[in-house]
C-alpha atoms as a PDB file:
ATOM      1  CA  UNK A   1     159.035  57.573 121.534  1.00  0.00           C
ATOM      2  CA  UNK A   2     157.543  60.793 120.213  1.00  0.00           C
ATOM      3  CA  UNK A   3     160.255  63.419 119.676  1.00  0.00           C
ATOM      4  CA  UNK A   4     159.476  66.987 118.627  1.00  0.00           C
ATOM      5  CA  UNK A   5     161.461  70.164 118.070  1.00  0.00           C
ATOM      6  CA  UNK A   6     159.458  73.371 118.308  1.00  0.00           C
ATOM      7  CA  UNK A   7     160.584  76.663 116.830  1.00  0.00           C
ATOM      8  CA  UNK A   8     158.912  79.653 118.445  1.00  0.00           C
ATOM      9  CA  UNK A   9     158.981  82.917 116.519  1.00  0.00           C
ATOM     10  CA  UNK A  10     159.183  86.492 117.746  1.00  0.00           C
ATOM     11  CA  UNK A  11     155.422  86.876 117.117  1.00  0.00           C
ATOM     12  CA  UNK A  12     154.792  83.829 119.408  1.00  0.00           C
ATOM     13  CA  UNK A  13     153.764  81.599 116.509  1.00  0.00           C
ATOM     14  CA  UNK A  14     155.150  78.060 116.598  1.00  0.00           C
ATOM     15  CA  UNK A  15     156.411  75.561 114.048  1.00  0.00           C
ATOM     16  CA  UNK A  16     156.478  71.948 115.204  1.00  0.00           C
ATOM     17  CA  UNK A  17     158.856  69.464 113.567  1.00  0.00           C
ATOM     18  CA  UNK A  18     158.544  65.726 114.145  1.00  0.00           C
ATOM     19  CA  UNK A  19     160.897  64.353 111.470  1.00  0.00           C
ATOM     20  CA  UNK A  20     164.074  64.477 113.530  1.00  0.00           C
ATOM     21  CA  UNK A  21     167.021  62.881 111.732  1.00  0.00           C
ATOM     22  CA  UNK A  22     169.337  63.082 114.727  1.00  0.00           C
ATOM     23  CA  UNK A  23     169.663  64.996 117.976  1.00  0.00           C
ATOM     24  CA  UNK A  24     171.861  65.365 121.025  1.00  0.00           C
ATOM     25  CA  UNK A  25     171.056  66.830 124.427  1.00  0.00           C
ATOM     26  CA  UNK A  26     173.441  67.438 127.319  1.00  0.00           C
ATOM     27  CA  UNK A  27     172.866  68.437 130.923  1.00  0.00           C
ATOM     28  CA  UNK A  28     175.516  68.528 133.636  1.00  0.00           C
ATOM     29  CA  UNK A  29     175.708  69.814 137.209  1.00  0.00           C
ATOM     30  CA  UNK A  30     178.898  71.666 136.294  1.00  0.00           C
ATOM     31  CA  UNK A  31     177.380  73.468 133.309  1.00  0.00           C
ATOM     32  CA  UNK A  32     175.163  76.520 133.767  1.00  0.00           C
ATOM     33  CA  UNK A  33     172.944  75.607 130.830  1.00  0.00           C
ATOM     34  CA  UNK A  34     171.604  72.660 128.868  1.00  0.00           C
ATOM     35  CA  UNK A  35     172.715  72.256 125.269  1.00  0.00           C
ATOM     36  CA  UNK A  36     170.778  70.846 122.346  1.00  0.00           C
ATOM     37  CA  UNK A  37     171.482  70.209 118.698  1.00  0.00           C
ATOM     38  CA  UNK A  38     169.491  68.526 115.939  1.00  0.00           C
ATOM     39  CA  UNK A  39     169.193  67.857 112.240  1.00  0.00           C
ATOM     40  CA  UNK A  40     165.617  68.033 111.051  1.00  0.00           C
ATOM     41  CA  UNK A  41     163.896  67.063 107.821  1.00  0.00           C
ATOM     42  CA  UNK A  42     161.724  70.063 107.031  1.00  0.00           C
ATOM     43  CA  UNK A  43     161.579  73.544 105.565  1.00  0.00           C
ATOM     44  CA  UNK A  44     161.950  76.922 107.221  1.00  0.00           C
ATOM     45  CA  UNK A  45     161.646  80.095 105.187  1.00  0.00           C
ATOM     46  CA  UNK A  46     162.565  82.703 107.808  1.00  0.00           C
ATOM     47  CA  UNK A  47     165.046  81.317 110.362  1.00  0.00           C
ATOM     48  CA  UNK A  48     165.905  84.875 111.434  1.00  0.00           C
ATOM     49  CA  UNK A  49     162.478  85.147 113.111  1.00  0.00           C
ATOM     50  CA  UNK A  50     163.033  82.177 115.443  1.00  0.00           C
ATOM     51  CA  UNK A  51     163.620  83.282 119.040  1.00  0.00           C
ATOM     52  CA  UNK A  52     163.123  80.084 121.075  1.00  0.00           C
ATOM     53  CA  UNK A  53     163.866  76.377 120.656  1.00  0.00           C
ATOM     54  CA  UNK A  54     161.981  73.702 122.566  1.00  0.00           C
ATOM     55  CA  UNK A  55     162.752  69.989 122.571  1.00  0.00           C
ATOM     56  CA  UNK A  56     160.189  67.479 123.816  1.00  0.00           C
ATOM     57  CA  UNK A  57     160.105  63.721 124.356  1.00  0.00           C
ATOM     58  CA  UNK A  58     156.656  62.180 124.730  1.00  0.00           C
ATOM     59  CA  UNK A  59     155.236  65.602 125.507  1.00  0.00           C
ATOM     60  CA  UNK A  60     157.759  66.461 128.247  1.00  0.00           C
ATOM     61  CA  UNK A  61     159.839  69.566 127.570  1.00  0.00           C
ATOM     62  CA  UNK A  62     163.483  68.623 128.037  1.00  0.00           C
ATOM     63  CA  UNK A  63     165.094  71.780 126.681  1.00  0.00           C
ATOM     64  CA  UNK A  64     163.974  75.378 126.275  1.00  0.00           C
ATOM     65  CA  UNK A  65     166.542  77.781 124.984  1.00  0.00           C
ATOM     66  CA  UNK A  66     167.830  80.432 122.675  1.00  0.00           C
ATOM     67  CA  UNK A  67     168.206  80.064 118.938  1.00  0.00           C
ATOM     68  CA  UNK A  68     171.997  80.081 118.808  1.00  0.00           C
ATOM     69  CA  UNK A  69     172.462  78.793 115.269  1.00  0.00           C
ATOM     70  CA  UNK A  70     170.075  77.720 112.528  1.00  0.00           C
ATOM     71  CA  UNK A  71     170.942  76.736 108.980  1.00  0.00           C
ATOM     72  CA  UNK A  72     168.664  75.524 106.200  1.00  0.00           C
ATOM     73  CA  UNK A  73     170.075  73.451 103.340  1.00  0.00           C
ATOM     74  CA  UNK A  74     168.001  72.628 100.266  1.00  0.00           C
ATOM     75  CA  UNK A  75     168.936  69.901  97.812  1.00  0.00           C
ATOM     76  CA  UNK A  76     166.393  69.324  95.055  1.00  0.00           C
ATOM     77  CA  UNK A  77     163.074  68.674  96.766  1.00  0.00           C
ATOM     78  CA  UNK A  78     164.678  67.897 100.126  1.00  0.00           C
ATOM     79  CA  UNK A  79     165.290  70.416 102.876  1.00  0.00           C
ATOM     80  CA  UNK A  80     167.262  69.910 106.076  1.00  0.00           C
ATOM     81  CA  UNK A  81     167.452  72.210 109.084  1.00  0.00           C
ATOM     82  CA  UNK A  82     170.391  72.196 111.479  1.00  0.00           C
ATOM     83  CA  UNK A  83     169.902  73.867 114.857  1.00  0.00           C
ATOM     84  CA  UNK A  84     171.947  74.389 118.001  1.00  0.00           C
ATOM     85  CA  UNK A  85     170.635  75.910 121.191  1.00  0.00           C
ATOM     86  CA  UNK A  86     171.632  76.626 124.774  1.00  0.00           C
ATOM     87  CA  UNK A  87     169.037  77.041 127.506  1.00  0.00           C
ATOM     88  CA  UNK A  88     168.114  80.512 128.723  1.00  0.00           C
ATOM     89  CA  UNK A  89     170.307  80.058 131.800  1.00  0.00           C
ATOM     90  CA  UNK A  90     173.268  80.520 129.439  1.00  0.00           C
ATOM     91  CA  UNK A  91     172.440  84.222 129.760  1.00  0.00           C
ATOM     92  CA  UNK A  92     173.797  84.049 133.307  1.00  0.00           C
ATOM     93  CA  UNK A  93     177.339  83.707 131.958  1.00  0.00           C
ATOM     94  CA  UNK A  94     176.731  86.465 129.382  1.00  0.00           C
ATOM     95  CA  UNK A  95     175.636  89.157 131.823  1.00  0.00           C
ATOM     96  CA  UNK A  96     177.886  91.024 134.214  1.00  0.00           C
ATOM     97  CA  UNK A  97     177.034  93.015 137.321  1.00  0.00           C
ATOM     98  CA  UNK A  98     179.025  95.893 138.719  1.00  0.00           C
ATOM     99  CA  UNK A  99     182.045  94.861 140.728  1.00  0.00           C
ATOM    100  CA  UNK A 100     182.372  95.246 144.479  1.00  0.00           C
ATOM    101  CA  UNK A 101     181.092  93.843 147.743  1.00  0.00           C
ATOM    102  CA  UNK A 102     177.420  92.849 147.844  1.00  0.00           C
ATOM    103  CA  UNK A 103     176.100  92.177 151.349  1.00  0.00           C
ATOM    104  CA  UNK A 104     172.969  90.347 152.509  1.00  0.00           C
ATOM    105  CA  UNK A 105     172.544  88.598 149.174  1.00  0.00           C
ATOM    106  CA  UNK A 106     170.269  85.580 148.647  1.00  0.00           C
ATOM    107  CA  UNK A 107     169.515  83.616 145.500  1.00  0.00           C
ATOM    108  CA  UNK A 108     166.166  85.443 145.426  1.00  0.00           C
ATOM    109  CA  UNK A 109     167.675  88.927 145.594  1.00  0.00           C
ATOM    110  CA  UNK A 110     170.584  88.110 143.287  1.00  0.00           C
ATOM    111  CA  UNK A 111     168.305  86.989 140.453  1.00  0.00           C
ATOM    112  CA  UNK A 112     165.552  89.563 140.967  1.00  0.00           C
ATOM    113  CA  UNK A 113     167.652  92.668 141.619  1.00  0.00           C
ATOM    114  CA  UNK A 114     169.506  92.913 138.320  1.00  0.00           C
ATOM    115  CA  UNK A 115     168.154  91.712 134.979  1.00  0.00           C
ATOM    116  CA  UNK A 116     164.900  90.184 133.821  1.00  0.00           C
ATOM    117  CA  UNK A 117     166.217  87.043 132.118  1.00  0.00           C
ATOM    118  CA  UNK A 118     163.450  85.345 130.085  1.00  0.00           C
ATOM    119  CA  UNK A 119     162.226  81.950 131.293  1.00  0.00           C
ATOM    120  CA  UNK A 120     164.882  81.716 134.025  1.00  0.00           C
ATOM    121  CA  UNK A 121     163.552  80.631 137.432  1.00  0.00           C
ATOM    122  CA  UNK A 122     165.291  79.689 140.662  1.00  0.00           C
ATOM    123  CA  UNK A 123     165.051  77.879 143.947  1.00  0.00           C
ATOM    124  CA  UNK A 124     163.072  79.964 146.433  1.00  0.00           C
ATOM    125  CA  UNK A 125     165.473  80.847 149.248  1.00  0.00           C
ATOM    126  CA  UNK A 126     166.193  83.967 151.292  1.00  0.00           C
ATOM    127  CA  UNK A 127     169.271  82.488 153.001  1.00  0.00           C
ATOM    128  CA  UNK A 128     171.825  85.278 152.857  1.00  0.00           C
ATOM    129  CA  UNK A 129     175.554  85.750 152.641  1.00  0.00           C
ATOM    130  CA  UNK A 130     177.860  88.231 150.961  1.00  0.00           C
ATOM    131  CA  UNK A 131     179.526  87.984 147.587  1.00  0.00           C
ATOM    132  CA  UNK A 132     182.400  89.962 146.158  1.00  0.00           C
ATOM    133  CA  UNK A 133     181.955  90.589 142.443  1.00  0.00           C
ATOM    134  CA  UNK A 134     185.283  90.654 140.676  1.00  0.00           C
ATOM    135  CA  UNK A 135     185.845  92.822 137.635  1.00  0.00           C
ATOM    136  CA  UNK A 136     184.495  91.152 134.461  1.00  0.00           C
ATOM    137  CA  UNK A 137     182.862  88.288 136.380  1.00  0.00           C
ATOM    138  CA  UNK A 138     179.327  87.235 135.434  1.00  0.00           C
ATOM    139  CA  UNK A 139     176.084  86.475 137.248  1.00  0.00           C
ATOM    140  CA  UNK A 140     176.779  82.742 137.329  1.00  0.00           C
ATOM    141  CA  UNK A 141     180.044  83.415 139.168  1.00  0.00           C
ATOM    142  CA  UNK A 142     178.026  85.178 141.874  1.00  0.00           C
ATOM    143  CA  UNK A 143     175.591  82.268 142.138  1.00  0.00           C
ATOM    144  CA  UNK A 144     178.466  79.788 142.395  1.00  0.00           C
ATOM    145  CA  UNK A 145     180.088  81.858 145.134  1.00  0.00           C
ATOM    146  CA  UNK A 146     176.831  82.203 147.057  1.00  0.00           C
ATOM    147  CA  UNK A 147     175.993  78.508 146.772  1.00  0.00           C
ATOM    148  CA  UNK A 148     179.366  77.454 148.124  1.00  0.00           C
ATOM    149  CA  UNK A 149     179.276  79.943 150.998  1.00  0.00           C
ATOM    150  CA  UNK A 150     175.787  78.980 152.196  1.00  0.00           C
ATOM    151  CA  UNK A 151     175.608  75.269 151.387  1.00  0.00           C
ATOM    152  CA  UNK A 152     179.077  74.114 150.336  1.00  0.00           C
ATOM    153  CA  UNK A 153     177.533  73.043 147.016  1.00  0.00           C
ATOM    154  CA  UNK A 154     177.889  73.836 143.332  1.00  0.00           C
ATOM    155  CA  UNK A 155     174.672  75.196 141.748  1.00  0.00           C
ATOM    156  CA  UNK A 156     172.955  73.357 138.911  1.00  0.00           C
ATOM    157  CA  UNK A 157     170.011  73.565 136.510  1.00  0.00           C
ATOM    158  CA  UNK A 158     166.878  71.559 137.236  1.00  0.00           C
ATOM    159  CA  UNK A 159     164.036  71.224 134.747  1.00  0.00           C
ATOM    160  CA  UNK A 160     164.460  73.506 131.760  1.00  0.00           C
ATOM    161  CA  UNK A 161     165.816  76.711 133.322  1.00  0.00           C
ATOM    162  CA  UNK A 162     165.526  76.489 137.108  1.00  0.00           C
ATOM    163  CA  UNK A 163     168.624  77.369 139.162  1.00  0.00           C
ATOM    164  CA  UNK A 164     169.105  75.321 142.323  1.00  0.00           C
ATOM    165  CA  UNK A 165     171.737  75.330 145.046  1.00  0.00           C
ATOM    166  CA  UNK A 166     170.394  72.409 147.080  1.00  0.00           C
ATOM    167  CA  UNK A 167     169.248  68.866 146.198  1.00  0.00           C
ATOM    168  CA  UNK A 168     165.526  68.443 145.534  1.00  0.00           C
ATOM    169  CA  UNK A 169     163.656  67.167 148.588  1.00  0.00           C
ATOM    170  CA  UNK A 170     161.625  64.461 146.851  1.00  0.00           C
ATOM    171  CA  UNK A 171     163.713  63.122 143.979  1.00  0.00           C
ATOM    172  CA  UNK A 172     162.470  60.495 141.558  1.00  0.00           C
ATOM    173  CA  UNK A 173     164.269  57.160 141.892  1.00  0.00           C
ATOM    174  CA  UNK A 174     165.551  55.273 138.851  1.00  0.00           C
ATOM    175  CA  UNK A 175     166.832  51.720 139.186  1.00  0.00           C
ATOM    176  CA  UNK A 176     168.623  49.776 136.448  1.00  0.00           C
ATOM    177  CA  UNK A 177     170.071  46.300 136.443  1.00  0.00           C
ATOM    178  CA  UNK A 178     172.181  44.679 133.743  1.00  0.00           C
ATOM    179  CA  UNK A 179     169.064  43.508 131.907  1.00  0.00           C
ATOM    180  CA  UNK A 180     167.957  47.136 131.441  1.00  0.00           C
ATOM    181  CA  UNK A 181     171.195  48.720 130.310  1.00  0.00           C
ATOM    182  CA  UNK A 182     173.448  48.552 127.264  1.00  0.00           C
ATOM    183  CA  UNK A 183     176.622  49.231 129.204  1.00  0.00           C
ATOM    184  CA  UNK A 184     178.002  50.787 132.363  1.00  0.00           C
ATOM    185  CA  UNK A 185     181.421  52.060 133.277  1.00  0.00           C
ATOM    186  CA  UNK A 186     183.750  54.413 135.107  1.00  0.00           C
ATOM    187  CA  UNK A 187     185.911  57.243 133.832  1.00  0.00           C
ATOM    188  CA  UNK A 188     188.345  59.565 135.569  1.00  0.00           C
ATOM    189  CA  UNK A 189     189.665  63.015 134.669  1.00  0.00           C
ATOM    190  CA  UNK A 190     192.835  64.192 136.394  1.00  0.00           C
ATOM    191  CA  UNK A 191     194.361  66.711 133.958  1.00  0.00           C
ATOM    192  CA  UNK A 192     192.952  69.711 135.873  1.00  0.00           C
ATOM    193  CA  UNK A 193     193.721  68.556 139.419  1.00  0.00           C
ATOM    194  CA  UNK A 194     195.805  70.942 141.517  1.00  0.00           C
ATOM    195  CA  UNK A 195     197.900  69.610 144.387  1.00  0.00           C
ATOM    196  CA  UNK A 196     198.879  72.820 146.213  1.00  0.00           C
ATOM    197  CA  UNK A 197     197.259  76.230 146.633  1.00  0.00           C
ATOM    198  CA  UNK A 198     198.967  79.304 148.072  1.00  0.00           C
ATOM    199  CA  UNK A 199     197.135  82.565 148.820  1.00  0.00           C
ATOM    200  CA  UNK A 200     198.689  85.814 150.008  1.00  0.00           C
ATOM    201  CA  UNK A 201     197.497  87.627 153.139  1.00  0.00           C
ATOM    202  CA  UNK A 202     196.418  91.260 153.469  1.00  0.00           C
ATOM    203  CA  UNK A 203     200.057  92.348 153.319  1.00  0.00           C
ATOM    204  CA  UNK A 204     200.612  90.465 150.079  1.00  0.00           C
ATOM    205  CA  UNK A 205     202.859  87.875 151.695  1.00  0.00           C
ATOM    206  CA  UNK A 206     202.556  84.135 151.132  1.00  0.00           C
ATOM    207  CA  UNK A 207     202.843  81.377 153.718  1.00  0.00           C
ATOM    208  CA  UNK A 208     199.810  82.071 155.915  1.00  0.00           C
ATOM    209  CA  UNK A 209     197.112  80.505 153.746  1.00  0.00           C
ATOM    210  CA  UNK A 210     198.146  77.136 152.337  1.00  0.00           C
ATOM    211  CA  UNK A 211     196.288  74.027 151.175  1.00  0.00           C
ATOM    212  CA  UNK A 212     197.583  70.709 149.864  1.00  0.00           C
ATOM    213  CA  UNK A 213     195.717  67.578 148.829  1.00  0.00           C
ATOM    214  CA  UNK A 214     197.516  64.414 149.861  1.00  0.00           C
ATOM    215  CA  UNK A 215     195.288  62.220 147.709  1.00  0.00           C
ATOM    216  CA  UNK A 216     196.231  64.147 144.576  1.00  0.00           C
ATOM    217  CA  UNK A 217     199.891  64.136 145.589  1.00  0.00           C
ATOM    218  CA  UNK A 218     199.716  60.337 145.954  1.00  0.00           C
ATOM    219  CA  UNK A 219     198.903  60.195 142.229  1.00  0.00           C
ATOM    220  CA  UNK A 220     202.264  61.842 141.502  1.00  0.00           C
ATOM    221  CA  UNK A 221     200.519  65.063 140.541  1.00  0.00           C
ATOM    222  CA  UNK A 222     202.498  68.153 141.560  1.00  0.00           C
ATOM    223  CA  UNK A 223     200.823  71.410 140.506  1.00  0.00           C
ATOM    224  CA  UNK A 224     201.187  74.607 142.555  1.00  0.00           C
ATOM    225  CA  UNK A 225     198.960  77.656 142.175  1.00  0.00           C
ATOM    226  CA  UNK A 226     199.611  81.080 143.748  1.00  0.00           C
ATOM    227  CA  UNK A 227     196.996  83.834 143.919  1.00  0.00           C
ATOM    228  CA  UNK A 228     196.303  87.070 145.755  1.00  0.00           C
ATOM    229  CA  UNK A 229     193.938  87.303 148.733  1.00  0.00           C
ATOM    230  CA  UNK A 230     190.484  86.463 147.424  1.00  0.00           C
ATOM    231  CA  UNK A 231     187.934  89.088 148.499  1.00  0.00           C
ATOM    232  CA  UNK A 232     185.146  86.615 147.751  1.00  0.00           C
ATOM    233  CA  UNK A 233     186.187  84.775 150.914  1.00  0.00           C
ATOM    234  CA  UNK A 234     187.492  87.704 152.942  1.00  0.00           C
ATOM    235  CA  UNK A 235     185.631  86.624 156.103  1.00  0.00           C
ATOM    236  CA  UNK A 236     186.969  83.065 155.839  1.00  0.00           C
ATOM    237  CA  UNK A 237     190.191  83.101 153.786  1.00  0.00           C
ATOM    238  CA  UNK A 238     190.891  79.378 154.166  1.00  0.00           C
ATOM    239  CA  UNK A 239     187.602  78.680 152.391  1.00  0.00           C
ATOM    240  CA  UNK A 240     189.050  80.263 149.240  1.00  0.00           C
ATOM    241  CA  UNK A 241     191.666  77.515 149.123  1.00  0.00           C
ATOM    242  CA  UNK A 242     189.163  74.754 149.855  1.00  0.00           C
ATOM    243  CA  UNK A 243     186.828  76.024 147.133  1.00  0.00           C
ATOM    244  CA  UNK A 244     189.589  76.100 144.530  1.00  0.00           C
ATOM    245  CA  UNK A 245     190.592  72.573 145.452  1.00  0.00           C
ATOM    246  CA  UNK A 246     187.004  71.353 145.096  1.00  0.00           C
ATOM    247  CA  UNK A 247     186.579  73.252 141.825  1.00  0.00           C
ATOM    248  CA  UNK A 248     189.728  71.778 140.276  1.00  0.00           C
ATOM    249  CA  UNK A 249     188.502  68.311 141.283  1.00  0.00           C
ATOM    250  CA  UNK A 250     184.990  68.669 139.892  1.00  0.00           C
ATOM    251  CA  UNK A 251     183.944  65.678 137.811  1.00  0.00           C
ATOM    252  CA  UNK A 252     187.084  63.779 138.797  1.00  0.00           C
ATOM    253  CA  UNK A 253     185.322  60.415 138.827  1.00  0.00           C
ATOM    254  CA  UNK A 254     182.272  59.594 136.744  1.00  0.00           C
ATOM    255  CA  UNK A 255     180.214  56.409 137.038  1.00  0.00           C
ATOM    256  CA  UNK A 256     177.702  55.953 134.236  1.00  0.00           C
ATOM    257  CA  UNK A 257     175.273  53.649 132.512  1.00  0.00           C
ATOM    258  CA  UNK A 258     173.594  53.681 129.105  1.00  0.00           C
ATOM    259  CA  UNK A 259     170.191  52.333 128.158  1.00  0.00           C
ATOM    260  CA  UNK A 260     167.762  52.454 125.253  1.00  0.00           C
ATOM    261  CA  UNK A 261     165.071  55.131 125.529  1.00  0.00           C
ATOM    262  CA  UNK A 262     164.566  57.934 128.018  1.00  0.00           C
ATOM    263  CA  UNK A 263     162.780  57.520 131.339  1.00  0.00           C
ATOM    264  CA  UNK A 264     162.570  61.128 132.497  1.00  0.00           C
ATOM    265  CA  UNK A 265     165.658  61.517 134.690  1.00  0.00           C
ATOM    266  CA  UNK A 266     166.791  64.946 135.797  1.00  0.00           C
ATOM    267  CA  UNK A 267     169.704  66.323 137.791  1.00  0.00           C
ATOM    268  CA  UNK A 268     169.353  65.608 141.541  1.00  0.00           C
ATOM    269  CA  UNK A 269     167.051  62.630 140.986  1.00  0.00           C
ATOM    270  CA  UNK A 270     168.575  59.420 142.306  1.00  0.00           C
ATOM    271  CA  UNK A 271     169.834  56.411 140.397  1.00  0.00           C
ATOM    272  CA  UNK A 272     170.811  52.838 141.251  1.00  0.00           C
ATOM    273  CA  UNK A 273     172.890  50.581 138.989  1.00  0.00           C
ATOM    274  CA  UNK A 274     175.942  48.388 139.437  1.00  0.00           C
ATOM    275  CA  UNK A 275     177.797  49.601 142.537  1.00  0.00           C
ATOM    276  CA  UNK A 276     175.861  52.895 142.614  1.00  0.00           C
ATOM    277  CA  UNK A 277     173.078  52.817 145.180  1.00  0.00           C
ATOM    278  CA  UNK A 278     170.529  55.610 145.331  1.00  0.00           C
ATOM    279  CA  UNK A 279     172.945  58.430 144.478  1.00  0.00           C
ATOM    280  CA  UNK A 280     172.108  61.821 142.985  1.00  0.00           C
ATOM    281  CA  UNK A 281     172.263  62.105 139.205  1.00  0.00           C
ATOM    282  CA  UNK A 282     175.022  64.461 138.058  1.00  0.00           C
ATOM    283  CA  UNK A 283     174.757  64.376 134.274  1.00  0.00           C
ATOM    284  CA  UNK A 284     172.454  63.392 131.455  1.00  0.00           C
ATOM    285  CA  UNK A 285     173.282  62.831 127.779  1.00  0.00           C
ATOM    286  CA  UNK A 286     170.484  61.887 125.388  1.00  0.00           C
ATOM    287  CA  UNK A 287     171.155  61.115 121.734  1.00  0.00           C
ATOM    288  CA  UNK A 288     168.865  59.873 119.023  1.00  0.00           C
ATOM    289  CA  UNK A 289     168.556  59.065 115.324  1.00  0.00           C
ATOM    290  CA  UNK A 290     166.539  56.768 113.069  1.00  0.00           C
ATOM    291  CA  UNK A 291     167.751  53.795 115.131  1.00  0.00           C
ATOM    292  CA  UNK A 292     166.233  55.095 118.379  1.00  0.00           C
ATOM    293  CA  UNK A 293     167.174  56.964 121.553  1.00  0.00           C
ATOM    294  CA  UNK A 294     170.042  56.212 123.929  1.00  0.00           C
ATOM    295  CA  UNK A 295     170.390  57.825 127.355  1.00  0.00           C
ATOM    296  CA  UNK A 296     173.597  58.029 129.345  1.00  0.00           C
ATOM    297  CA  UNK A 297     173.244  59.020 132.978  1.00  0.00           C
ATOM    298  CA  UNK A 298     175.107  58.583 136.215  1.00  0.00           C
ATOM    299  CA  UNK A 299     176.916  60.251 139.081  1.00  0.00           C
ATOM    300  CA  UNK A 300     180.055  62.217 139.852  1.00  0.00           C
ATOM    301  CA  UNK A 301     182.221  61.302 142.807  1.00  0.00           C
ATOM    302  CA  UNK A 302     184.263  64.363 143.771  1.00  0.00           C
ATOM    303  CA  UNK A 303     184.502  67.016 146.491  1.00  0.00           C
ATOM    304  CA  UNK A 304     181.187  68.752 145.880  1.00  0.00           C
ATOM    305  CA  UNK A 305     178.226  67.202 147.723  1.00  0.00           C
ATOM    306  CA  UNK A 306     175.131  66.522 145.651  1.00  0.00           C
END
């Protein structure tokens, strides 16, 4: 497979590297950005001028992001570049908006009304709700809140920098049997699960808004959380408890497979392997070195629909 890393400079000039010693790429429905890192055989005289990093496989752009870190190490006649990058949607967690109640907000108005974030696009939707921006919260927090209120979903990144709240209508289907894959498996993560949530009412008293998860309790997990009335869910207070329960359970069960190469999967495409039948892809990890490329992909089974 043809793998390239492209450095784009502030003057829009580009440097293309094709001698990639190793790389790693990660994409996850519960992460607001894609992450990429690589070690490259090549020279770079002015790393301070690099403003964008692109990563392509067989001509398809998999990652487009900021130049977070670049180092150049020279040993004799050999030069190696190390780079790490997060996609431009990482800017969503680095930008705040003024606190307070925002009414009649859609994904369109939320993204367009505040900052012009380079290369960041979004699902086209004027479906509206309200959000309450807490002090020191960021733009991604607002998108998460809006997505849950309107669709009951957690937002994710599709393509290189496209924000979506709903599954794609015509996903690509990927099917793998045991002859195609290196391995498949299941993993669980229960260290962040919360069994009981307690939220105060307008008077500051507890006891009116309660939520407990019997499934989590059956695992002998007893963790209580108390918090003040959440203005983000002022019109439906019980939803604040349900959201926190879903959030603490995100990624609880992961079913995955690994295969050699990369076939073009993306979040919200569907995959079939083992006991998984035509379910939406929730994560994608691609690694490569001189031995070739390995892709890990699969689904999450938790409280957020996908």
